[in-house]
Amino acid sequence: MTFEKAYIRLEEIHRLLQSDELIDIEKILTLQEEAKECYDLCKGMLEKSEKSTSQ
């Protein structure tokens, strides 16, 4: 997954969880896991980019 796709998916998950829509707890857990994976991917790419630009 690319940084852009992961970031967009994080935004989608955020909007869904912030909405007034009633979401099943199982779905919430799945979304949280997916959000963590996307976050970790974005964080890792940003850290890698920072390291390469500081050298």
N, C-alpha and C. Protein backbone atom coordinates (compact mmCIF):
# COMPACT_ATOMS: atom_id res chain seq x y z
N MET A 1 0.85 -1.17 0.00
CA MET A 1 0.00 0.00 0.00
C MET A 1 0.90 1.24 0.00
N THR A 2 0.48 2.24 -0.74
CA THR A 2 1.25 3.48 -0.81
C THR A 2 0.89 4.39 0.37
N PHE A 3 1.73 5.39 0.59
CA PHE A 3 1.47 6.37 1.64
C PHE A 3 0.12 7.05 1.39
N GLU A 4 -0.09 7.46 0.15
CA GLU A 4 -1.32 8.18 -0.18
C GLU A 4 -2.57 7.34 0.09
N LYS A 5 -2.55 6.09 -0.31
CA LYS A 5 -3.70 5.21 -0.09
C LYS A 5 -3.94 4.98 1.39
N ALA A 6 -2.85 4.78 2.15
CA ALA A 6 -2.98 4.56 3.59
C ALA A 6 -3.54 5.81 4.28
N TYR A 7 -3.06 6.98 3.87
CA TYR A 7 -3.52 8.23 4.45
C TYR A 7 -5.00 8.47 4.14
N ILE A 8 -5.39 8.23 2.91
CA ILE A 8 -6.80 8.39 2.52
C ILE A 8 -7.68 7.43 3.31
N ARG A 9 -7.22 6.20 3.47
CA ARG A 9 -8.00 5.22 4.23
C ARG A 9 -8.12 5.63 5.69
N LEU A 10 -7.06 6.19 6.26
CA LEU A 10 -7.14 6.70 7.63
C LEU A 10 -8.20 7.79 7.75
N GLU A 11 -8.23 8.68 6.79
CA GLU A 11 -9.25 9.73 6.79
C GLU A 11 -10.65 9.14 6.70
N GLU A 12 -10.84 8.13 5.85
CA GLU A 12 -12.15 7.49 5.71
C GLU A 12 -12.58 6.83 7.02
N ILE A 13 -11.66 6.13 7.66
CA ILE A 13 -11.97 5.46 8.93
C ILE A 13 -12.31 6.50 9.99
N HIS A 14 -11.55 7.58 10.02
CA HIS A 14 -11.81 8.66 10.99
C HIS A 14 -13.22 9.22 10.81
N ARG A 15 -13.58 9.53 9.57
CA ARG A 15 -14.92 10.08 9.29
C ARG A 15 -16.01 9.09 9.70
N LEU A 16 -15.79 7.82 9.41
CA LEU A 16 -16.78 6.81 9.75
C LEU A 16 -16.96 6.70 11.26
N LEU A 17 -15.85 6.68 12.00
CA LEU A 17 -15.94 6.54 13.45
C LEU A 17 -16.49 7.81 14.11
N GLN A 18 -16.32 8.96 13.48
CA GLN A 18 -16.83 10.22 14.03
C GLN A 18 -18.28 10.48 13.66
N SER A 19 -18.81 9.71 12.73
CA SER A 19 -20.19 9.93 12.29
C SER A 19 -21.17 9.46 13.37
N ASP A 20 -22.40 9.86 13.19
CA ASP A 20 -23.45 9.45 14.12
C ASP A 20 -24.00 8.07 13.80
N GLU A 21 -23.46 7.46 12.76
CA GLU A 21 -23.93 6.15 12.34
C GLU A 21 -23.59 5.10 13.40
N LEU A 22 -24.55 4.27 13.71
CA LEU A 22 -24.34 3.19 14.67
C LEU A 22 -23.53 2.08 13.99
N ILE A 23 -22.40 1.73 14.60
CA ILE A 23 -21.51 0.73 14.01
C ILE A 23 -21.38 -0.44 14.97
N ASP A 24 -21.44 -1.62 14.44
CA ASP A 24 -21.28 -2.84 15.21
C ASP A 24 -19.89 -2.87 15.85
N ILE A 25 -19.79 -3.35 17.07
CA ILE A 25 -18.51 -3.38 17.80
C ILE A 25 -17.45 -4.19 17.05
N GLU A 26 -17.86 -5.26 16.41
CA GLU A 26 -16.90 -6.06 15.63
C GLU A 26 -16.32 -5.24 14.48
N LYS A 27 -17.15 -4.43 13.85
CA LYS A 27 -16.71 -3.56 12.76
C LYS A 27 -15.75 -2.49 13.29
N ILE A 28 -16.07 -1.95 14.48
CA ILE A 28 -15.19 -0.95 15.09
C ILE A 28 -13.81 -1.55 15.35
N LEU A 29 -13.77 -2.75 15.88
CA LEU A 29 -12.49 -3.39 16.17
C LEU A 29 -11.69 -3.62 14.88
N THR A 30 -12.37 -4.04 13.85
CA THR A 30 -11.72 -4.25 12.56
C THR A 30 -11.18 -2.93 12.00
N LEU A 31 -11.98 -1.88 12.11
CA LEU A 31 -11.54 -0.57 11.64
C LEU A 31 -10.34 -0.06 12.43
N GLN A 32 -10.34 -0.29 13.73
CA GLN A 32 -9.21 0.14 14.56
C GLN A 32 -7.93 -0.59 14.17
N GLU A 33 -8.04 -1.86 13.90
CA GLU A 33 -6.87 -2.63 13.48
C GLU A 33 -6.35 -2.12 12.13
N GLU A 34 -7.27 -1.88 11.22
CA GLU A 34 -6.88 -1.38 9.90
C GLU A 34 -6.25 0.01 10.02
N ALA A 35 -6.83 0.86 10.87
CA ALA A 35 -6.29 2.20 11.07
C ALA A 35 -4.88 2.14 11.64
N LYS A 36 -4.64 1.23 12.56
CA LYS A 36 -3.30 1.11 13.15
C LYS A 36 -2.28 0.67 12.09
N GLU A 37 -2.67 -0.25 11.24
CA GLU A 37 -1.77 -0.69 10.16
C GLU A 37 -1.45 0.47 9.22
N CYS A 38 -2.47 1.23 8.86
CA CYS A 38 -2.25 2.38 7.97
C CYS A 38 -1.38 3.44 8.66
N TYR A 39 -1.66 3.69 9.93
CA TYR A 39 -0.87 4.67 10.69
C TYR A 39 0.59 4.24 10.77
N ASP A 40 0.82 2.99 11.10
CA ASP A 40 2.19 2.49 11.21
C ASP A 40 2.92 2.60 9.88
N LEU A 41 2.23 2.31 8.79
CA LEU A 41 2.84 2.41 7.47
C LEU A 41 3.22 3.86 7.17
N CYS A 42 2.31 4.79 7.41
CA CYS A 42 2.58 6.20 7.15
C CYS A 42 3.70 6.71 8.05
N LYS A 43 3.66 6.35 9.30
CA LYS A 43 4.69 6.79 10.25
C LYS A 43 6.06 6.28 9.82
N GLY A 44 6.12 5.02 9.45
CA GLY A 44 7.38 4.43 9.01
C GLY A 44 7.94 5.12 7.77
N MET A 45 7.07 5.42 6.82
CA MET A 45 7.51 6.11 5.61
C MET A 45 7.99 7.51 5.91
N LEU A 46 7.29 8.22 6.79
CA LEU A 46 7.71 9.57 7.16
C LEU A 46 9.06 9.55 7.88
N GLU A 47 9.24 8.61 8.79
CA GLU A 47 10.50 8.50 9.51
C GLU A 47 11.65 8.18 8.55
N LYS A 48 11.39 7.30 7.60
CA LYS A 48 12.40 6.94 6.61
C LYS A 48 12.75 8.16 5.77
N SER A 49 11.76 8.93 5.40
CA SER A 49 11.98 10.13 4.60
C SER A 49 12.78 11.17 5.38
N GLU A 50 12.46 11.33 6.67
CA GLU A 50 13.19 12.28 7.51
C GLU A 50 14.66 11.90 7.64
N LYS A 51 14.90 10.61 7.82
CA LYS A 51 16.28 10.13 7.94
C LYS A 51 17.08 10.40 6.66
N SER A 52 16.45 10.15 5.51
CA SER A 52 17.16 10.31 4.26
C SER A 52 17.42 11.79 3.94
N THR A 53 16.54 12.68 4.37
CA THR A 53 16.75 14.09 4.10
C THR A 53 17.72 14.74 5.08
N SER A 54 17.89 14.15 6.25
CA SER A 54 18.80 14.73 7.24
C SER A 54 20.24 14.29 7.04
N GLN A 55 20.46 13.35 6.16
CA GLN A 55 21.82 12.84 5.95
C GLN A 55 22.55 13.61 4.90
